[in-house]
Protein backbone atom coordinates (compact mmCIF):
# COMPACT_ATOMS: atom_id res chain seq x y z
CA MET A 1 -0.11 0.04 -0.07
CA ALA A 2 2.81 2.28 0.98
CA ASN A 3 4.24 2.08 -2.41
CA GLU A 4 1.10 2.74 -4.45
CA LEU A 5 0.15 6.03 -2.16
CA GLN A 6 4.10 7.26 -3.03
CA VAL A 7 3.36 6.47 -6.82
CA LEU A 8 -0.06 8.41 -6.47
CA GLU A 9 1.70 11.50 -4.74
CA LEU A 10 4.46 11.43 -7.50
CA LYS A 11 1.76 11.58 -10.10
CA VAL A 12 -0.26 14.36 -8.11
CA GLU A 13 2.87 16.62 -7.77
CA LYS A 14 3.52 16.06 -11.83
CA ILE A 15 0.16 16.67 -12.89
CA THR A 16 -0.99 19.52 -10.48
CA PRO A 17 1.49 22.24 -11.81
CA ALA A 18 0.67 21.47 -15.37
CA SER A 19 -3.14 21.45 -14.94
CA ILE A 20 -2.86 24.70 -13.14
CA VAL A 21 -1.04 26.34 -15.74
CA SER A 22 -3.33 25.13 -18.64
CA ASN A 23 -6.31 26.31 -16.42
CA VAL A 24 -4.65 29.59 -16.21
CA ASP A 25 -4.12 29.86 -19.98
CA LYS A 26 -7.90 28.91 -20.37
CA LEU A 27 -8.91 31.53 -18.06
CA GLU A 28 -6.73 34.47 -19.40
CA PRO A 29 -9.05 35.41 -22.44
CA PHE A 30 -11.90 35.52 -19.90
CA ILE A 31 -9.77 37.80 -17.46
CA GLU A 32 -8.73 40.09 -20.18
CA LYS A 33 -12.63 40.41 -21.20
CA VAL A 34 -13.46 41.35 -17.72
CA LYS A 35 -10.80 44.08 -17.58
CA GLU A 36 -12.07 45.56 -20.72
CA LYS A 37 -15.43 46.26 -19.12
């Protein structure tokens, strides 16, 4: 079980920054529209 948890933690660490960046990229056009108003 411990090994499985370590693998999951590694996957989360690798995925999280990338997914945050891609979410920010998706939000940028929306943020700019809000700034324009």
